[in-house]
Amino acid sequence: MSIWTSNFAVAGRLPDAVSISRGKPKGWSGRTFAALSPEWLWIKNYQRGVWDWSQYSVAYNGLLQELDAANVVAALGENAVMLCFCKPTEKCHRQLVSLWLLREINLIVPEWSEAGQMSLFD
């Protein structure tokens, strides 16, 4: 099974793109997997500096623990590219999803880029 992460700017036009973002780009008509979308309050708290990354991570990892990783992967499907707005170099819930899938089902989920695949962990 191959699954990647990326952002809307880089991979939003791919046929297997799946939004895991709370917001969507204007005109987005692709698939959405809402179960992996962080709550608006968490996003705002982190963006405004009310929460640091560790507080955001605790909240988001709590959401992930309510899900079954194998079921999530099956629902996303082969070659899915999970998207949000964050740049690959920013701290992002995509990283947390990747680490969760590695921990839960030993699935490596690299970052996709136009130049090819790269690891979120580089």
N, C-alpha and C. Protein backbone atom coordinates (compact mmCIF):
# COMPACT_ATOMS: atom_id res chain seq x y z
N MET A 1 0.85 -1.18 0.00
CA MET A 1 0.00 0.00 0.00
C MET A 1 0.89 1.23 0.00
N SER A 2 0.62 2.15 -0.89
CA SER A 2 1.36 3.41 -0.96
C SER A 2 0.43 4.57 -0.72
N ILE A 3 0.78 5.38 0.25
CA ILE A 3 0.04 6.60 0.59
C ILE A 3 1.08 7.68 0.85
N TRP A 4 0.76 8.90 0.49
CA TRP A 4 1.65 10.04 0.69
C TRP A 4 0.91 11.17 1.38
N THR A 5 1.68 12.18 1.77
CA THR A 5 1.13 13.45 2.22
C THR A 5 1.70 14.55 1.34
N SER A 6 0.99 15.66 1.26
CA SER A 6 1.47 16.82 0.53
C SER A 6 0.56 18.00 0.88
N ASN A 7 0.65 19.06 0.09
CA ASN A 7 -0.27 20.18 0.29
C ASN A 7 -1.02 20.47 -1.00
N PHE A 8 -2.03 21.30 -0.88
CA PHE A 8 -2.88 21.60 -2.03
C PHE A 8 -2.09 22.23 -3.17
N ALA A 9 -1.12 23.10 -2.84
CA ALA A 9 -0.35 23.79 -3.89
C ALA A 9 0.49 22.82 -4.71
N VAL A 10 1.03 21.81 -4.08
CA VAL A 10 1.92 20.87 -4.77
C VAL A 10 1.14 19.75 -5.45
N ALA A 11 0.17 19.18 -4.74
CA ALA A 11 -0.46 17.94 -5.23
C ALA A 11 -1.98 17.99 -5.32
N GLY A 12 -2.55 19.16 -5.23
CA GLY A 12 -4.01 19.29 -5.23
C GLY A 12 -4.69 18.85 -6.50
N ARG A 13 -3.96 18.76 -7.58
CA ARG A 13 -4.57 18.36 -8.86
C ARG A 13 -4.41 16.87 -9.17
N LEU A 14 -3.73 16.16 -8.29
CA LEU A 14 -3.55 14.72 -8.52
C LEU A 14 -4.89 13.99 -8.41
N PRO A 15 -5.11 12.98 -9.21
CA PRO A 15 -6.40 12.27 -9.17
C PRO A 15 -6.67 11.56 -7.84
N ASP A 16 -5.62 11.21 -7.10
CA ASP A 16 -5.80 10.51 -5.83
C ASP A 16 -5.66 11.44 -4.62
N ALA A 17 -5.72 12.74 -4.85
CA ALA A 17 -5.63 13.71 -3.76
C ALA A 17 -6.85 13.61 -2.86
N VAL A 18 -6.59 13.69 -1.55
CA VAL A 18 -7.66 13.62 -0.54
C VAL A 18 -7.39 14.70 0.50
N SER A 19 -8.33 15.60 0.67
CA SER A 19 -8.18 16.64 1.68
C SER A 19 -8.37 16.05 3.08
N ILE A 20 -7.40 16.37 3.97
CA ILE A 20 -7.58 16.04 5.39
C ILE A 20 -7.54 17.36 6.18
N SER A 21 -7.84 18.44 5.50
CA SER A 21 -7.83 19.77 6.06
C SER A 21 -9.23 20.18 6.49
N ARG A 22 -9.32 21.01 7.53
CA ARG A 22 -10.63 21.52 7.95
C ARG A 22 -11.17 22.46 6.88
N GLY A 23 -10.34 23.32 6.33
CA GLY A 23 -10.75 24.20 5.23
C GLY A 23 -10.31 23.61 3.90
N LYS A 24 -10.88 24.11 2.83
CA LYS A 24 -10.55 23.63 1.48
C LYS A 24 -10.27 24.84 0.59
N PRO A 25 -9.44 24.65 -0.42
CA PRO A 25 -9.23 25.74 -1.37
C PRO A 25 -10.52 26.05 -2.12
N LYS A 26 -10.66 27.29 -2.53
CA LYS A 26 -11.83 27.68 -3.31
C LYS A 26 -11.92 26.80 -4.55
N GLY A 27 -13.08 26.24 -4.79
CA GLY A 27 -13.30 25.39 -5.95
C GLY A 27 -12.89 23.94 -5.77
N TRP A 28 -12.45 23.56 -4.57
CA TRP A 28 -12.04 22.17 -4.34
C TRP A 28 -13.20 21.23 -4.63
N SER A 29 -12.96 20.26 -5.50
CA SER A 29 -14.00 19.28 -5.83
C SER A 29 -13.51 17.86 -5.61
N GLY A 30 -12.33 17.74 -5.00
CA GLY A 30 -11.76 16.43 -4.74
C GLY A 30 -12.35 15.78 -3.51
N ARG A 31 -11.83 14.60 -3.20
CA ARG A 31 -12.28 13.85 -2.04
C ARG A 31 -11.86 14.53 -0.75
N THR A 32 -12.64 14.29 0.29
CA THR A 32 -12.33 14.78 1.63
C THR A 32 -12.45 13.62 2.61
N PHE A 33 -11.51 13.55 3.54
CA PHE A 33 -11.57 12.55 4.61
C PHE A 33 -11.62 13.31 5.92
N ALA A 34 -12.83 13.67 6.33
CA ALA A 34 -13.05 14.57 7.47
C ALA A 34 -12.55 13.99 8.79
N ALA A 35 -12.51 12.68 8.93
CA ALA A 35 -12.09 12.08 10.20
C ALA A 35 -10.65 12.47 10.58
N LEU A 36 -9.83 12.86 9.61
CA LEU A 36 -8.45 13.26 9.88
C LEU A 36 -8.28 14.78 9.96
N SER A 37 -9.37 15.52 9.88
CA SER A 37 -9.30 16.98 9.93
C SER A 37 -9.24 17.46 11.38
N PRO A 38 -8.27 18.31 11.70
CA PRO A 38 -8.21 18.85 13.06
C PRO A 38 -9.38 19.81 13.33
N GLU A 39 -9.71 19.97 14.58
CA GLU A 39 -10.77 20.91 14.96
C GLU A 39 -10.30 22.34 14.74
N TRP A 40 -11.23 23.24 14.36
CA TRP A 40 -10.89 24.64 14.14
C TRP A 40 -10.26 25.25 15.38
N LEU A 41 -10.80 24.92 16.56
CA LEU A 41 -10.27 25.49 17.79
C LEU A 41 -8.80 25.14 17.97
N TRP A 42 -8.41 23.91 17.65
CA TRP A 42 -7.01 23.50 17.78
C TRP A 42 -6.14 24.30 16.83
N ILE A 43 -6.60 24.45 15.59
CA ILE A 43 -5.85 25.20 14.58
C ILE A 43 -5.66 26.64 15.05
N LYS A 44 -6.74 27.28 15.48
CA LYS A 44 -6.67 28.67 15.93
C LYS A 44 -5.77 28.82 17.15
N ASN A 45 -5.91 27.90 18.11
CA ASN A 45 -5.07 27.97 19.30
C ASN A 45 -3.59 27.88 18.95
N TYR A 46 -3.24 27.01 18.02
CA TYR A 46 -1.85 26.86 17.62
C TYR A 46 -1.38 28.09 16.82
N GLN A 47 -2.18 28.54 15.86
CA GLN A 47 -1.80 29.69 15.04
C GLN A 47 -1.63 30.96 15.87
N ARG A 48 -2.45 31.12 16.90
CA ARG A 48 -2.41 32.34 17.73
C ARG A 48 -1.41 32.25 18.88
N GLY A 49 -0.74 31.10 19.00
CA GLY A 49 0.24 30.95 20.06
C GLY A 49 -0.35 30.61 21.42
N VAL A 50 -1.65 30.32 21.46
CA VAL A 50 -2.28 29.90 22.71
C VAL A 50 -1.75 28.52 23.09
N TRP A 51 -1.56 27.66 22.10
CA TRP A 51 -0.98 26.33 22.28
C TRP A 51 0.38 26.29 21.60
N ASP A 52 1.29 25.53 22.17
CA ASP A 52 2.52 25.22 21.46
C ASP A 52 2.31 23.91 20.68
N TRP A 53 3.35 23.48 19.97
CA TRP A 53 3.21 22.28 19.13
C TRP A 53 2.87 21.05 19.96
N SER A 54 3.43 20.93 21.14
CA SER A 54 3.16 19.74 21.95
C SER A 54 1.70 19.69 22.39
N GLN A 55 1.09 20.82 22.70
CA GLN A 55 -0.33 20.84 23.07
C GLN A 55 -1.21 20.49 21.88
N TYR A 56 -0.88 21.04 20.72
CA TYR A 56 -1.62 20.70 19.51
C TYR A 56 -1.50 19.20 19.21
N SER A 57 -0.28 18.69 19.33
CA SER A 57 -0.03 17.27 19.05
C SER A 57 -0.82 16.36 19.97
N VAL A 58 -0.89 16.71 21.25
CA VAL A 58 -1.66 15.91 22.20
C VAL A 58 -3.13 15.87 21.78
N ALA A 59 -3.68 17.01 21.44
CA ALA A 59 -5.09 17.07 21.02
C ALA A 59 -5.31 16.24 19.76
N TYR A 60 -4.45 16.44 18.75
CA TYR A 60 -4.64 15.73 17.49
C TYR A 60 -4.40 14.23 17.64
N ASN A 61 -3.39 13.86 18.41
CA ASN A 61 -3.15 12.43 18.63
C ASN A 61 -4.31 11.78 19.36
N GLY A 62 -5.00 12.54 20.20
CA GLY A 62 -6.21 12.02 20.84
C GLY A 62 -7.28 11.68 19.81
N LEU A 63 -7.41 12.53 18.79
CA LEU A 63 -8.35 12.24 17.70
C LEU A 63 -7.93 10.97 16.98
N LEU A 64 -6.64 10.83 16.68
CA LEU A 64 -6.16 9.66 15.96
C LEU A 64 -6.40 8.37 16.75
N GLN A 65 -6.26 8.43 18.05
CA GLN A 65 -6.42 7.23 18.87
C GLN A 65 -7.86 6.70 18.85
N GLU A 66 -8.80 7.53 18.45
CA GLU A 66 -10.19 7.10 18.33
C GLU A 66 -10.45 6.37 17.01
N LEU A 67 -9.47 6.38 16.11
CA LEU A 67 -9.61 5.78 14.78
C LEU A 67 -8.85 4.46 14.70
N ASP A 68 -9.24 3.65 13.76
CA ASP A 68 -8.52 2.41 13.46
C ASP A 68 -7.65 2.67 12.23
N ALA A 69 -6.33 2.58 12.40
CA ALA A 69 -5.40 2.94 11.33
C ALA A 69 -5.62 2.11 10.06
N ALA A 70 -5.84 0.81 10.21
CA ALA A 70 -6.05 -0.04 9.03
C ALA A 70 -7.32 0.36 8.29
N ASN A 71 -8.36 0.70 9.02
CA ASN A 71 -9.60 1.15 8.38
C ASN A 71 -9.41 2.48 7.67
N VAL A 72 -8.64 3.38 8.27
CA VAL A 72 -8.36 4.68 7.64
C VAL A 72 -7.64 4.47 6.32
N VAL A 73 -6.60 3.64 6.33
CA VAL A 73 -5.83 3.37 5.11
C VAL A 73 -6.72 2.74 4.03
N ALA A 74 -7.55 1.80 4.43
CA ALA A 74 -8.45 1.16 3.46
C ALA A 74 -9.41 2.18 2.86
N ALA A 75 -9.93 3.08 3.69
CA ALA A 75 -10.87 4.10 3.20
C ALA A 75 -10.17 5.11 2.29
N LEU A 76 -8.94 5.47 2.61
CA LEU A 76 -8.20 6.40 1.76
C LEU A 76 -7.90 5.79 0.40
N GLY A 77 -7.52 4.53 0.40
CA GLY A 77 -7.27 3.82 -0.85
C GLY A 77 -5.84 3.91 -1.32
N GLU A 78 -5.49 3.00 -2.21
CA GLU A 78 -4.15 2.92 -2.79
C GLU A 78 -3.79 4.23 -3.49
N ASN A 79 -2.58 4.70 -3.27
CA ASN A 79 -2.01 5.90 -3.89
C ASN A 79 -2.64 7.21 -3.44
N ALA A 80 -3.39 7.20 -2.34
CA ALA A 80 -3.96 8.45 -1.82
C ALA A 80 -2.84 9.40 -1.44
N VAL A 81 -3.09 10.68 -1.67
CA VAL A 81 -2.18 11.74 -1.25
C VAL A 81 -2.98 12.65 -0.33
N MET A 82 -2.69 12.56 0.97
CA MET A 82 -3.42 13.35 1.97
C MET A 82 -2.92 14.79 1.95
N LEU A 83 -3.85 15.73 1.85
CA LEU A 83 -3.50 17.14 1.66
C LEU A 83 -4.03 18.05 2.75
N CYS A 84 -3.25 19.11 3.00
CA CYS A 84 -3.73 20.28 3.74
C CYS A 84 -2.99 21.49 3.16
N PHE A 85 -3.03 22.61 3.84
CA PHE A 85 -2.42 23.84 3.32
C PHE A 85 -0.95 24.03 3.70
N CYS A 86 -0.47 23.34 4.72
CA CYS A 86 0.86 23.59 5.26
C CYS A 86 1.97 23.23 4.28
N LYS A 87 3.04 24.01 4.33
CA LYS A 87 4.23 23.71 3.54
C LYS A 87 4.92 22.49 4.14
N PRO A 88 5.67 21.74 3.34
CA PRO A 88 6.33 20.54 3.85
C PRO A 88 7.28 20.81 5.02
N THR A 89 7.82 22.01 5.11
CA THR A 89 8.77 22.33 6.17
C THR A 89 8.10 22.79 7.47
N GLU A 90 6.79 23.01 7.46
CA GLU A 90 6.08 23.47 8.65
C GLU A 90 5.61 22.30 9.49
N LYS A 91 5.49 22.54 10.79
CA LYS A 91 4.87 21.53 11.66
C LYS A 91 3.42 21.44 11.25
N CYS A 92 2.93 20.20 11.12
CA CYS A 92 1.62 20.01 10.51
C CYS A 92 1.01 18.69 10.97
N HIS A 93 -0.31 18.62 10.94
CA HIS A 93 -0.96 17.37 11.34
C HIS A 93 -0.66 16.23 10.37
N ARG A 94 -0.23 16.54 9.14
CA ARG A 94 0.18 15.47 8.22
C ARG A 94 1.33 14.66 8.82
N GLN A 95 2.26 15.33 9.48
CA GLN A 95 3.36 14.64 10.14
C GLN A 95 2.84 13.70 11.23
N LEU A 96 1.85 14.18 11.96
CA LEU A 96 1.29 13.36 13.04
C LEU A 96 0.56 12.14 12.48
N VAL A 97 -0.15 12.31 11.37
CA VAL A 97 -0.80 11.16 10.72
C VAL A 97 0.25 10.16 10.26
N SER A 98 1.32 10.65 9.64
CA SER A 98 2.38 9.76 9.17
C SER A 98 3.00 8.97 10.31
N LEU A 99 3.31 9.64 11.40
CA LEU A 99 3.90 8.95 12.56
C LEU A 99 2.92 7.94 13.16
N TRP A 100 1.67 8.30 13.22
CA TRP A 100 0.62 7.40 13.74
C TRP A 100 0.51 6.14 12.90
N LEU A 101 0.49 6.30 11.57
CA LEU A 101 0.39 5.13 10.70
C LEU A 101 1.64 4.25 10.80
N LEU A 102 2.79 4.87 10.97
CA LEU A 102 4.01 4.09 11.16
C LEU A 102 3.93 3.30 12.47
N ARG A 103 3.52 3.97 13.51
CA ARG A 103 3.44 3.34 14.83
C ARG A 103 2.37 2.24 14.89
N GLU A 104 1.22 2.50 14.30
CA GLU A 104 0.08 1.59 14.43
C GLU A 104 0.14 0.39 13.48
N ILE A 105 0.53 0.65 12.22
CA ILE A 105 0.48 -0.45 11.24
C ILE A 105 1.77 -0.57 10.41
N ASN A 106 2.82 0.10 10.90
CA ASN A 106 4.13 0.02 10.25
C ASN A 106 4.10 0.47 8.79
N LEU A 107 3.28 1.47 8.50
CA LEU A 107 3.18 2.02 7.14
C LEU A 107 3.97 3.31 7.07
N ILE A 108 4.95 3.35 6.20
CA ILE A 108 5.73 4.57 5.97
C ILE A 108 4.97 5.44 4.99
N VAL A 109 4.70 6.68 5.39
CA VAL A 109 3.94 7.63 4.57
C VAL A 109 4.84 8.82 4.28
N PRO A 110 5.51 8.83 3.13
CA PRO A 110 6.39 9.94 2.80
C PRO A 110 5.63 11.15 2.26
N GLU A 111 6.34 12.26 2.19
CA GLU A 111 5.82 13.49 1.59
C GLU A 111 6.00 13.40 0.08
N TRP A 112 4.95 13.71 -0.66
CA TRP A 112 5.02 13.72 -2.12
C TRP A 112 5.38 15.12 -2.58
N SER A 113 6.21 15.20 -3.60
CA SER A 113 6.51 16.50 -4.19
C SER A 113 6.60 16.31 -5.70
N GLU A 114 6.54 17.42 -6.41
CA GLU A 114 6.60 17.35 -7.88
C GLU A 114 7.92 16.74 -8.35
N ALA A 115 8.95 16.86 -7.54
CA ALA A 115 10.25 16.32 -7.89
C ALA A 115 10.37 14.84 -7.53
N GLY A 116 9.33 14.29 -6.94
CA GLY A 116 9.35 12.90 -6.49
C GLY A 116 8.97 12.83 -5.04
N GLN A 117 9.17 11.69 -4.43
CA GLN A 117 8.80 11.53 -3.05
C GLN A 117 9.99 11.87 -2.15
N MET A 118 9.68 12.43 -1.00
CA MET A 118 10.70 12.67 0.01
C MET A 118 10.11 12.33 1.36
N SER A 119 10.93 12.10 2.30
CA SER A 119 10.45 11.71 3.62
C SER A 119 10.12 12.94 4.45
N LEU A 120 9.08 12.86 5.25
CA LEU A 120 8.76 13.91 6.21
C LEU A 120 9.82 13.97 7.31
N PHE A 121 10.61 12.93 7.42
CA PHE A 121 11.53 12.82 8.52
C PHE A 121 12.95 13.25 8.15
N ASP A 122 13.15 13.77 6.94
CA ASP A 122 14.48 14.24 6.51
C ASP A 122 14.86 15.51 7.25
